[in-house]
Amino acid sequence: MSPLPLYEPQYFGQEPIGTENDGDMPIVYVGRQNEEVENMREIIVCVTCLNEESNVVLRPCNHTCLCGACYEGLTRLVCPLCREPIREIVVFLS
């Protein structure tokens, strides 16, 4: 897997938060314009129902690609994107 590209921080008038770092990973703040955020909506939609926001992180692959209802409806506990077996999940509550 190739490393993620680093971008110059853009704060858009806001001060960065959470600047504590243990030195292992760089902290990068990237500001998004409204149209970019709107375009990202397609990325965060559940890949199964294409209707709800994906809020379930599948571990260990870390794909966030399912909503809670579609996760509960899985017949095989494998990631729908990479087919890696799901060992645990993290659910983001909104």
PDB file of N, CA and C in Angstrom:
ATOM      1  N   MET A   1       0.846  -1.164   0.000  1.00  0.00           N
ATOM      2  CA  MET A   1       0.000   0.000   0.000  1.00  0.00           C
ATOM      3  C   MET A   1       0.900   1.237   0.000  1.00  0.00           C
ATOM      4  N   SER A   2       0.629   2.180  -0.859  1.00  0.00           N
ATOM      5  CA  SER A   2       1.442   3.388  -0.922  1.00  0.00           C
ATOM      6  C   SER A   2       0.990   4.378   0.145  1.00  0.00           C
ATOM      7  N   PRO A   3       1.922   5.203   0.651  1.00  0.00           N
ATOM      8  CA  PRO A   3       1.559   6.173   1.683  1.00  0.00           C
ATOM      9  C   PRO A   3       0.638   7.247   1.112  1.00  0.00           C
ATOM     10  N   LEU A   4      -0.195   7.796   1.990  1.00  0.00           N
ATOM     11  CA  LEU A   4      -1.097   8.864   1.575  1.00  0.00           C
ATOM     12  C   LEU A   4      -0.314  10.137   1.289  1.00  0.00           C
ATOM     13  N   PRO A   5      -0.723  10.911   0.288  1.00  0.00           N
ATOM     14  CA  PRO A   5      -0.029  12.165   0.010  1.00  0.00           C
ATOM     15  C   PRO A   5      -0.319  13.180   1.110  1.00  0.00           C
ATOM     16  N   LEU A   6       0.652  14.031   1.376  1.00  0.00           N
ATOM     17  CA  LEU A   6       0.479  15.085   2.370  1.00  0.00           C
ATOM     18  C   LEU A   6       0.117  16.380   1.668  1.00  0.00           C
ATOM     19  N   TYR A   7      -0.747  17.152   2.281  1.00  0.00           N
ATOM     20  CA  TYR A   7      -1.182  18.419   1.720  1.00  0.00           C
ATOM     21  C   TYR A   7      -0.831  19.536   2.680  1.00  0.00           C
ATOM     22  N   GLU A   8      -0.632  20.715   2.128  1.00  0.00           N
ATOM     23  CA  GLU A   8      -0.372  21.873   2.966  1.00  0.00           C
ATOM     24  C   GLU A   8      -1.628  22.202   3.769  1.00  0.00           C
ATOM     25  N   PRO A   9      -1.477  22.541   5.046  1.00  0.00           N
ATOM     26  CA  PRO A   9      -2.650  22.882   5.846  1.00  0.00           C
ATOM     27  C   PRO A   9      -3.340  24.135   5.320  1.00  0.00           C
ATOM     28  N   GLN A  10      -4.651  24.118   5.318  1.00  0.00           N
ATOM     29  CA  GLN A  10      -5.456  25.272   4.955  1.00  0.00           C
ATOM     30  C   GLN A  10      -6.514  25.416   6.033  1.00  0.00           C
ATOM     31  N   TYR A  11      -6.477  26.521   6.777  1.00  0.00           N
ATOM     32  CA  TYR A  11      -7.347  26.647   7.938  1.00  0.00           C
ATOM     33  C   TYR A  11      -8.628  27.423   7.662  1.00  0.00           C
ATOM     34  N   PHE A  12      -8.672  28.224   6.623  1.00  0.00           N
ATOM     35  CA  PHE A  12      -9.855  29.003   6.268  1.00  0.00           C
ATOM     36  C   PHE A  12     -10.415  29.767   7.461  1.00  0.00           C
ATOM     37  N   GLY A  13      -9.538  30.480   8.154  1.00  0.00           N
ATOM     38  CA  GLY A  13      -9.970  31.337   9.250  1.00  0.00           C
ATOM     39  C   GLY A  13     -10.197  30.622  10.565  1.00  0.00           C
ATOM     40  N   GLN A  14      -9.933  29.351  10.639  1.00  0.00           N
ATOM     41  CA  GLN A  14     -10.115  28.612  11.878  1.00  0.00           C
ATOM     42  C   GLN A  14      -8.757  28.165  12.393  1.00  0.00           C
ATOM     43  N   GLU A  15      -8.637  28.156  13.691  1.00  0.00           N
ATOM     44  CA  GLU A  15      -7.411  27.666  14.298  1.00  0.00           C
ATOM     45  C   GLU A  15      -7.433  26.139  14.304  1.00  0.00           C
ATOM     46  N   PRO A  16      -6.289  25.510  14.072  1.00  0.00           N
ATOM     47  CA  PRO A  16      -6.260  24.048  14.136  1.00  0.00           C
ATOM     48  C   PRO A  16      -6.502  23.577  15.559  1.00  0.00           C
ATOM     49  N   ILE A  17      -7.128  22.425  15.697  1.00  0.00           N
ATOM     50  CA  ILE A  17      -7.349  21.838  17.014  1.00  0.00           C
ATOM     51  C   ILE A  17      -6.706  20.460  17.044  1.00  0.00           C
ATOM     52  N   GLY A  18      -6.435  19.984  18.226  1.00  0.00           N
ATOM     53  CA  GLY A  18      -5.878  18.643  18.355  1.00  0.00           C
ATOM     54  C   GLY A  18      -4.472  18.534  17.801  1.00  0.00           C
ATOM     55  N   THR A  19      -3.605  19.480  18.129  1.00  0.00           N
ATOM     56  CA  THR A  19      -2.263  19.469  17.567  1.00  0.00           C
ATOM     57  C   THR A  19      -1.304  18.566  18.339  1.00  0.00           C
ATOM     58  N   GLU A  20      -1.805  17.875  19.378  1.00  0.00           N
ATOM     59  CA  GLU A  20      -0.933  16.954  20.095  1.00  0.00           C
ATOM     60  C   GLU A  20      -0.551  15.813  19.158  1.00  0.00           C
ATOM     61  N   ASN A  21       0.700  15.419  19.229  1.00  0.00           N
ATOM     62  CA  ASN A  21       1.166  14.370  18.328  1.00  0.00           C
ATOM     63  C   ASN A  21       2.283  13.616  19.025  1.00  0.00           C
ATOM     64  N   ASP A  22       2.278  12.311  18.895  1.00  0.00           N
ATOM     65  CA  ASP A  22       3.332  11.517  19.519  1.00  0.00           C
ATOM     66  C   ASP A  22       4.549  11.365  18.621  1.00  0.00           C
ATOM     67  N   GLY A  23       4.530  11.994  17.446  1.00  0.00           N
ATOM     68  CA  GLY A  23       5.674  11.961  16.553  1.00  0.00           C
ATOM     69  C   GLY A  23       5.621  10.869  15.511  1.00  0.00           C
ATOM     70  N   ASP A  24       4.708   9.927  15.639  1.00  0.00           N
ATOM     71  CA  ASP A  24       4.634   8.833  14.680  1.00  0.00           C
ATOM     72  C   ASP A  24       3.956   9.230  13.381  1.00  0.00           C
ATOM     73  N   MET A  25       2.915  10.037  13.475  1.00  0.00           N
ATOM     74  CA  MET A  25       2.148  10.410  12.291  1.00  0.00           C
ATOM     75  C   MET A  25       2.078  11.926  12.191  1.00  0.00           C
ATOM     76  N   PRO A  26       2.269  12.466  11.000  1.00  0.00           N
ATOM     77  CA  PRO A  26       2.105  13.913  10.854  1.00  0.00           C
ATOM     78  C   PRO A  26       0.632  14.282  10.944  1.00  0.00           C
ATOM     79  N   ILE A  27       0.359  15.444  11.514  1.00  0.00           N
ATOM     80  CA  ILE A  27      -1.005  15.950  11.560  1.00  0.00           C
ATOM     81  C   ILE A  27      -1.166  16.918  10.407  1.00  0.00           C
ATOM     82  N   VAL A  28      -2.143  16.679   9.563  1.00  0.00           N
ATOM     83  CA  VAL A  28      -2.376  17.520   8.398  1.00  0.00           C
ATOM     84  C   VAL A  28      -3.821  17.981   8.434  1.00  0.00           C
ATOM     85  N   TYR A  29      -4.008  19.288   8.343  1.00  0.00           N
ATOM     86  CA  TYR A  29      -5.347  19.853   8.303  1.00  0.00           C
ATOM     87  C   TYR A  29      -5.634  20.276   6.877  1.00  0.00           C
ATOM     88  N   VAL A  30      -6.719  19.789   6.333  1.00  0.00           N
ATOM     89  CA  VAL A  30      -7.075  20.136   4.962  1.00  0.00           C
ATOM     90  C   VAL A  30      -8.459  20.753   4.983  1.00  0.00           C
ATOM     91  N   GLY A  31      -8.549  21.992   4.526  1.00  0.00           N
ATOM     92  CA  GLY A  31      -9.849  22.643   4.430  1.00  0.00           C
ATOM     93  C   GLY A  31     -10.544  22.216   3.155  1.00  0.00           C
ATOM     94  N   ARG A  32     -11.840  22.113   3.214  1.00  0.00           N
ATOM     95  CA  ARG A  32     -12.616  21.705   2.045  1.00  0.00           C
ATOM     96  C   ARG A  32     -13.583  22.826   1.675  1.00  0.00           C
ATOM     97  N   GLN A  33     -13.688  23.079   0.412  1.00  0.00           N
ATOM     98  CA  GLN A  33     -14.681  24.021  -0.076  1.00  0.00           C
ATOM     99  C   GLN A  33     -16.036  23.327  -0.085  1.00  0.00           C
ATOM    100  N   ASN A  34     -17.105  24.086  -0.066  1.00  0.00           N
ATOM    101  CA  ASN A  34     -18.453  23.507  -0.010  1.00  0.00           C
ATOM    102  C   ASN A  34     -18.717  22.524  -1.143  1.00  0.00           C
ATOM    103  N   GLU A  35     -18.300  22.857  -2.356  1.00  0.00           N
ATOM    104  CA  GLU A  35     -18.562  21.953  -3.478  1.00  0.00           C
ATOM    105  C   GLU A  35     -17.786  20.652  -3.336  1.00  0.00           C
ATOM    106  N   GLU A  36     -16.582  20.724  -2.758  1.00  0.00           N
ATOM    107  CA  GLU A  36     -15.815  19.500  -2.529  1.00  0.00           C
ATOM    108  C   GLU A  36     -16.520  18.608  -1.519  1.00  0.00           C
ATOM    109  N   VAL A  37     -17.048  19.226  -0.470  1.00  0.00           N
ATOM    110  CA  VAL A  37     -17.760  18.463   0.551  1.00  0.00           C
ATOM    111  C   VAL A  37     -18.999  17.820  -0.057  1.00  0.00           C
ATOM    112  N   GLU A  38     -19.712  18.557  -0.881  1.00  0.00           N
ATOM    113  CA  GLU A  38     -20.909  18.003  -1.521  1.00  0.00           C
ATOM    114  C   GLU A  38     -20.545  16.829  -2.429  1.00  0.00           C
ATOM    115  N   ASN A  39     -19.419  16.939  -3.140  1.00  0.00           N
ATOM    116  CA  ASN A  39     -18.986  15.843  -4.003  1.00  0.00           C
ATOM    117  C   ASN A  39     -18.586  14.612  -3.197  1.00  0.00           C
ATOM    118  N   MET A  40     -18.120  14.820  -1.968  1.00  0.00           N
ATOM    119  CA  MET A  40     -17.713  13.701  -1.125  1.00  0.00           C
ATOM    120  C   MET A  40     -18.915  12.914  -0.617  1.00  0.00           C
ATOM    121  N   ARG A  41     -20.120  13.474  -0.732  1.00  0.00           N
ATOM    122  CA  ARG A  41     -21.319  12.773  -0.268  1.00  0.00           C
ATOM    123  C   ARG A  41     -21.438  11.409  -0.935  1.00  0.00           C
ATOM    124  N   GLU A  42     -21.064  11.331  -2.197  1.00  0.00           N
ATOM    125  CA  GLU A  42     -21.129  10.058  -2.900  1.00  0.00           C
ATOM    126  C   GLU A  42     -20.207   9.026  -2.271  1.00  0.00           C
ATOM    127  N   ILE A  43     -19.124   9.477  -1.685  1.00  0.00           N
ATOM    128  CA  ILE A  43     -18.155   8.567  -1.084  1.00  0.00           C
ATOM    129  C   ILE A  43     -18.683   8.000   0.230  1.00  0.00           C
ATOM    130  N   ILE A  44     -19.457   8.788   0.972  1.00  0.00           N
ATOM    131  CA  ILE A  44     -19.870   8.350   2.298  1.00  0.00           C
ATOM    132  C   ILE A  44     -21.238   7.676   2.322  1.00  0.00           C
ATOM    133  N   VAL A  45     -21.806   7.395   1.180  1.00  0.00           N
ATOM    134  CA  VAL A  45     -23.093   6.708   1.115  1.00  0.00           C
ATOM    135  C   VAL A  45     -22.852   5.197   1.186  1.00  0.00           C
ATOM    136  N   CYS A  46     -23.721   4.515   1.891  1.00  0.00           N
ATOM    137  CA  CYS A  46     -23.637   3.057   2.039  1.00  0.00           C
ATOM    138  C   CYS A  46     -23.569   2.390   0.670  1.00  0.00           C
ATOM    139  N   VAL A  47     -22.617   1.481   0.491  1.00  0.00           N
ATOM    140  CA  VAL A  47     -22.433   0.836  -0.812  1.00  0.00           C
ATOM    141  C   VAL A  47     -23.495  -0.226  -1.093  1.00  0.00           C
ATOM    142  N   THR A  48     -24.256  -0.610  -0.087  1.00  0.00           N
ATOM    143  CA  THR A  48     -25.283  -1.625  -0.288  1.00  0.00           C
ATOM    144  C   THR A  48     -26.627  -1.010  -0.666  1.00  0.00           C
ATOM    145  N   CYS A  49     -27.129  -0.086   0.171  1.00  0.00           N
ATOM    146  CA  CYS A  49     -28.453   0.484  -0.098  1.00  0.00           C
ATOM    147  C   CYS A  49     -28.382   1.772  -0.920  1.00  0.00           C
ATOM    148  N   LEU A  50     -27.217   2.400  -0.972  1.00  0.00           N
ATOM    149  CA  LEU A  50     -27.010   3.661  -1.704  1.00  0.00           C
ATOM    150  C   LEU A  50     -27.969   4.754  -1.262  1.00  0.00           C
ATOM    151  N   ASN A  51     -28.429   4.668  -0.025  1.00  0.00           N
ATOM    152  CA  ASN A  51     -29.397   5.632   0.468  1.00  0.00           C
ATOM    153  C   ASN A  51     -28.947   6.288   1.769  1.00  0.00           C
ATOM    154  N   GLU A  52     -28.491   5.488   2.709  1.00  0.00           N
ATOM    155  CA  GLU A  52     -28.094   5.984   4.024  1.00  0.00           C
ATOM    156  C   GLU A  52     -26.605   6.318   4.057  1.00  0.00           C
ATOM    157  N   GLU A  53     -26.231   7.132   5.030  1.00  0.00           N
ATOM    158  CA  GLU A  53     -24.821   7.471   5.229  1.00  0.00           C
ATOM    159  C   GLU A  53     -24.098   6.270   5.826  1.00  0.00           C
ATOM    160  N   SER A  54     -22.908   5.982   5.307  1.00  0.00           N
ATOM    161  CA  SER A  54     -22.129   4.870   5.863  1.00  0.00           C
ATOM    162  C   SER A  54     -21.520   5.319   7.182  1.00  0.00           C
ATOM    163  N   ASN A  55     -21.800   4.584   8.241  1.00  0.00           N
ATOM    164  CA  ASN A  55     -21.314   4.957   9.566  1.00  0.00           C
ATOM    165  C   ASN A  55     -20.725   3.773  10.327  1.00  0.00           C
ATOM    166  N   VAL A  56     -20.467   2.681   9.632  1.00  0.00           N
ATOM    167  CA  VAL A  56     -19.891   1.493  10.262  1.00  0.00           C
ATOM    168  C   VAL A  56     -18.501   1.262   9.682  1.00  0.00           C
ATOM    169  N   VAL A  57     -17.489   1.274  10.561  1.00  0.00           N
ATOM    170  CA  VAL A  57     -16.113   0.989  10.152  1.00  0.00           C
ATOM    171  C   VAL A  57     -15.871  -0.497  10.366  1.00  0.00           C
ATOM    172  N   LEU A  58     -15.463  -1.162   9.311  1.00  0.00           N
ATOM    173  CA  LEU A  58     -15.192  -2.597   9.377  1.00  0.00           C
ATOM    174  C   LEU A  58     -13.717  -2.802   9.686  1.00  0.00           C
ATOM    175  N   ARG A  59     -13.436  -3.615  10.706  1.00  0.00           N
ATOM    176  CA  ARG A  59     -12.059  -3.842  11.101  1.00  0.00           C
ATOM    177  C   ARG A  59     -11.682  -5.283  10.813  1.00  0.00           C
ATOM    178  N   PRO A  60     -10.516  -5.576  10.338  1.00  0.00           N
ATOM    179  CA  PRO A  60      -9.310  -4.763  10.323  1.00  0.00           C
ATOM    180  C   PRO A  60      -9.069  -3.968   9.043  1.00  0.00           C
ATOM    181  N   CYS A  61      -9.927  -4.062   8.039  1.00  0.00           N
ATOM    182  CA  CYS A  61      -9.639  -3.368   6.773  1.00  0.00           C
ATOM    183  C   CYS A  61      -9.905  -1.865   6.858  1.00  0.00           C
ATOM    184  N   ASN A  62     -10.685  -1.428   7.852  1.00  0.00           N
ATOM    185  CA  ASN A  62     -11.001  -0.014   8.083  1.00  0.00           C
ATOM    186  C   ASN A  62     -11.832   0.635   6.988  1.00  0.00           C
ATOM    187  N   HIS A  63     -12.557  -0.142   6.207  1.00  0.00           N
ATOM    188  CA  HIS A  63     -13.464   0.449   5.231  1.00  0.00           C
ATOM    189  C   HIS A  63     -14.723   0.942   5.946  1.00  0.00           C
ATOM    190  N   THR A  64     -15.134   2.159   5.630  1.00  0.00           N
ATOM    191  CA  THR A  64     -16.388   2.719   6.135  1.00  0.00           C
ATOM    192  C   THR A  64     -17.343   2.734   4.961  1.00  0.00           C
ATOM    193  N   CYS A  65     -18.068   1.662   4.774  1.00  0.00           N
ATOM    194  CA  CYS A  65     -18.836   1.515   3.541  1.00  0.00           C
ATOM    195  C   CYS A  65     -20.263   1.056   3.756  1.00  0.00           C
ATOM    196  N   LEU A  66     -20.692   0.851   4.994  1.00  0.00           N
ATOM    197  CA  LEU A  66     -22.038   0.344   5.262  1.00  0.00           C
ATOM    198  C   LEU A  66     -22.760   1.203   6.286  1.00  0.00           C
ATOM    199  N   CYS A  67     -24.078   1.249   6.177  1.00  0.00           N
ATOM    200  CA  CYS A  67     -24.897   1.830   7.237  1.00  0.00           C
ATOM    201  C   CYS A  67     -25.197   0.712   8.245  1.00  0.00           C
ATOM    202  N   GLY A  68     -25.739   1.066   9.381  1.00  0.00           N
ATOM    203  CA  GLY A  68     -26.022   0.079  10.414  1.00  0.00           C
ATOM    204  C   GLY A  68     -27.002  -0.993   9.977  1.00  0.00           C
ATOM    205  N   ALA A  69     -28.054  -0.592   9.266  1.00  0.00           N
ATOM    206  CA  ALA A  69     -29.068  -1.558   8.830  1.00  0.00           C
ATOM    207  C   ALA A  69     -28.482  -2.572   7.851  1.00  0.00           C
ATOM    208  N   CYS A  70     -27.667  -2.106   6.926  1.00  0.00           N
ATOM    209  CA  CYS A  70     -27.073  -3.033   5.950  1.00  0.00           C
ATOM    210  C   CYS A  70     -26.033  -3.936   6.604  1.00  0.00           C
ATOM    211  N   TYR A  71     -25.305  -3.422   7.609  1.00  0.00           N
ATOM    212  CA  TYR A  71     -24.371  -4.289   8.326  1.00  0.00           C
ATOM    213  C   TYR A  71     -25.132  -5.422   9.010  1.00  0.00           C
ATOM    214  N   GLU A  72     -26.246  -5.078   9.666  1.00  0.00           N
ATOM    215  CA  GLU A  72     -27.036  -6.099  10.358  1.00  0.00           C
ATOM    216  C   GLU A  72     -27.619  -7.119   9.387  1.00  0.00           C
ATOM    217  N   GLY A  73     -27.799  -6.729   8.132  1.00  0.00           N
ATOM    218  CA  GLY A  73     -28.355  -7.633   7.143  1.00  0.00           C
ATOM    219  C   GLY A  73     -27.331  -8.481   6.403  1.00  0.00           C
ATOM    220  N   LEU A  74     -26.043  -8.318   6.721  1.00  0.00           N
ATOM    221  CA  LEU A  74     -25.020  -9.124   6.047  1.00  0.00           C
ATOM    222  C   LEU A  74     -25.227 -10.605   6.334  1.00  0.00           C
ATOM    223  N   THR A  75     -25.134 -11.408   5.311  1.00  0.00           N
ATOM    224  CA  THR A  75     -25.240 -12.855   5.508  1.00  0.00           C
ATOM    225  C   THR A  75     -23.869 -13.492   5.726  1.00  0.00           C
ATOM    226  N   ARG A  76     -22.825 -12.863   5.189  1.00  0.00           N
ATOM    227  CA  ARG A  76     -21.442 -13.309   5.406  1.00  0.00           C
ATOM    228  C   ARG A  76     -20.680 -12.144   6.002  1.00  0.00           C
ATOM    229  N   LEU A  77     -19.922 -12.381   7.051  1.00  0.00           N
ATOM    230  CA  LEU A  77     -19.185 -11.312   7.709  1.00  0.00           C
ATOM    231  C   LEU A  77     -17.863 -11.037   7.001  1.00  0.00           C
ATOM    232  N   VAL A  78     -17.973 -10.506   5.780  1.00  0.00           N
ATOM    233  CA  VAL A  78     -16.812 -10.066   5.011  1.00  0.00           C
ATOM    234  C   VAL A  78     -17.101  -8.667   4.491  1.00  0.00           C
ATOM    235  N   CYS A  79     -16.044  -7.886   4.326  1.00  0.00           N
ATOM    236  CA  CYS A  79     -16.179  -6.529   3.801  1.00  0.00           C
ATOM    237  C   CYS A  79     -16.703  -6.591   2.363  1.00  0.00           C
ATOM    238  N   PRO A  80     -17.725  -5.799   2.026  1.00  0.00           N
ATOM    239  CA  PRO A  80     -18.237  -5.828   0.656  1.00  0.00           C
ATOM    240  C   PRO A  80     -17.274  -5.217  -0.361  1.00  0.00           C
ATOM    241  N   LEU A  81     -16.274  -4.476   0.101  1.00  0.00           N
ATOM    242  CA  LEU A  81     -15.308  -3.878  -0.828  1.00  0.00           C
ATOM    243  C   LEU A  81     -14.111  -4.771  -1.092  1.00  0.00           C
ATOM    244  N   CYS A  82     -13.525  -5.329  -0.027  1.00  0.00           N
ATOM    245  CA  CYS A  82     -12.281  -6.088  -0.211  1.00  0.00           C
ATOM    246  C   CYS A  82     -12.412  -7.572   0.146  1.00  0.00           C
ATOM    247  N   ARG A  83     -13.560  -7.983   0.669  1.00  0.00           N
ATOM    248  CA  ARG A  83     -13.844  -9.379   1.040  1.00  0.00           C
ATOM    249  C   ARG A  83     -12.999  -9.897   2.206  1.00  0.00           C
ATOM    250  N   GLU A  84     -12.352  -8.996   2.942  1.00  0.00           N
ATOM    251  CA  GLU A  84     -11.604  -9.414   4.129  1.00  0.00           C
ATOM    252  C   GLU A  84     -12.597  -9.740   5.247  1.00  0.00           C
ATOM    253  N   PRO A  85     -12.358 -10.805   6.007  1.00  0.00           N
ATOM    254  CA  PRO A  85     -13.270 -11.141   7.106  1.00  0.00           C
ATOM    255  C   PRO A  85     -13.354 -10.004   8.133  1.00  0.00           C
ATOM    256  N   ILE A  86     -14.555  -9.730   8.600  1.00  0.00           N
ATOM    257  CA  ILE A  86     -14.784  -8.675   9.589  1.00  0.00           C
ATOM    258  C   ILE A  86     -14.553  -9.266  10.973  1.00  0.00           C
ATOM    259  N   ARG A  87     -13.641  -8.662  11.733  1.00  0.00           N
ATOM    260  CA  ARG A  87     -13.327  -9.127  13.085  1.00  0.00           C
ATOM    261  C   ARG A  87     -14.056  -8.299  14.138  1.00  0.00           C
ATOM    262  N   GLU A  88     -14.242  -7.007  13.868  1.00  0.00           N
ATOM    263  CA  GLU A  88     -14.962  -6.120  14.775  1.00  0.00           C
ATOM    264  C   GLU A  88     -15.452  -4.921  13.980  1.00  0.00           C
ATOM    265  N   ILE A  89     -16.333  -4.138  14.585  1.00  0.00           N
ATOM    266  CA  ILE A  89     -16.835  -2.940  13.921  1.00  0.00           C
ATOM    267  C   ILE A  89     -16.758  -1.761  14.873  1.00  0.00           C
ATOM    268  N   VAL A  90     -16.727  -0.574  14.299  1.00  0.00           N
ATOM    269  CA  VAL A  90     -16.853   0.675  15.042  1.00  0.00           C
ATOM    270  C   VAL A  90     -18.010   1.415  14.401  1.00  0.00           C
ATOM    271  N   VAL A  91     -18.986   1.832  15.216  1.00  0.00           N
ATOM    272  CA  VAL A  91     -20.158   2.531  14.699  1.00  0.00           C
ATOM    273  C   VAL A  91     -20.072   3.989  15.112  1.00  0.00           C
ATOM    274  N   PHE A  92     -20.183   4.891  14.137  1.00  0.00           N
ATOM    275  CA  PHE A  92     -20.225   6.323  14.407  1.00  0.00           C
ATOM    276  C   PHE A  92     -21.672   6.727  14.610  1.00  0.00           C
ATOM    277  N   LEU A  93     -21.960   7.342  15.744  1.00  0.00           N
ATOM    278  CA  LEU A  93     -23.310   7.818  16.025  1.00  0.00           C
ATOM    279  C   LEU A  93     -23.415   9.272  15.603  1.00  0.00           C
ATOM    280  N   SER A  94     -24.506   9.616  14.944  1.00  0.00           N
ATOM    281  CA  SER A  94     -24.656  11.010  14.510  1.00  0.00           C
ATOM    282  C   SER A  94     -25.629  11.756  15.379  1.00  0.00           C
TER     283      SER A  94
END
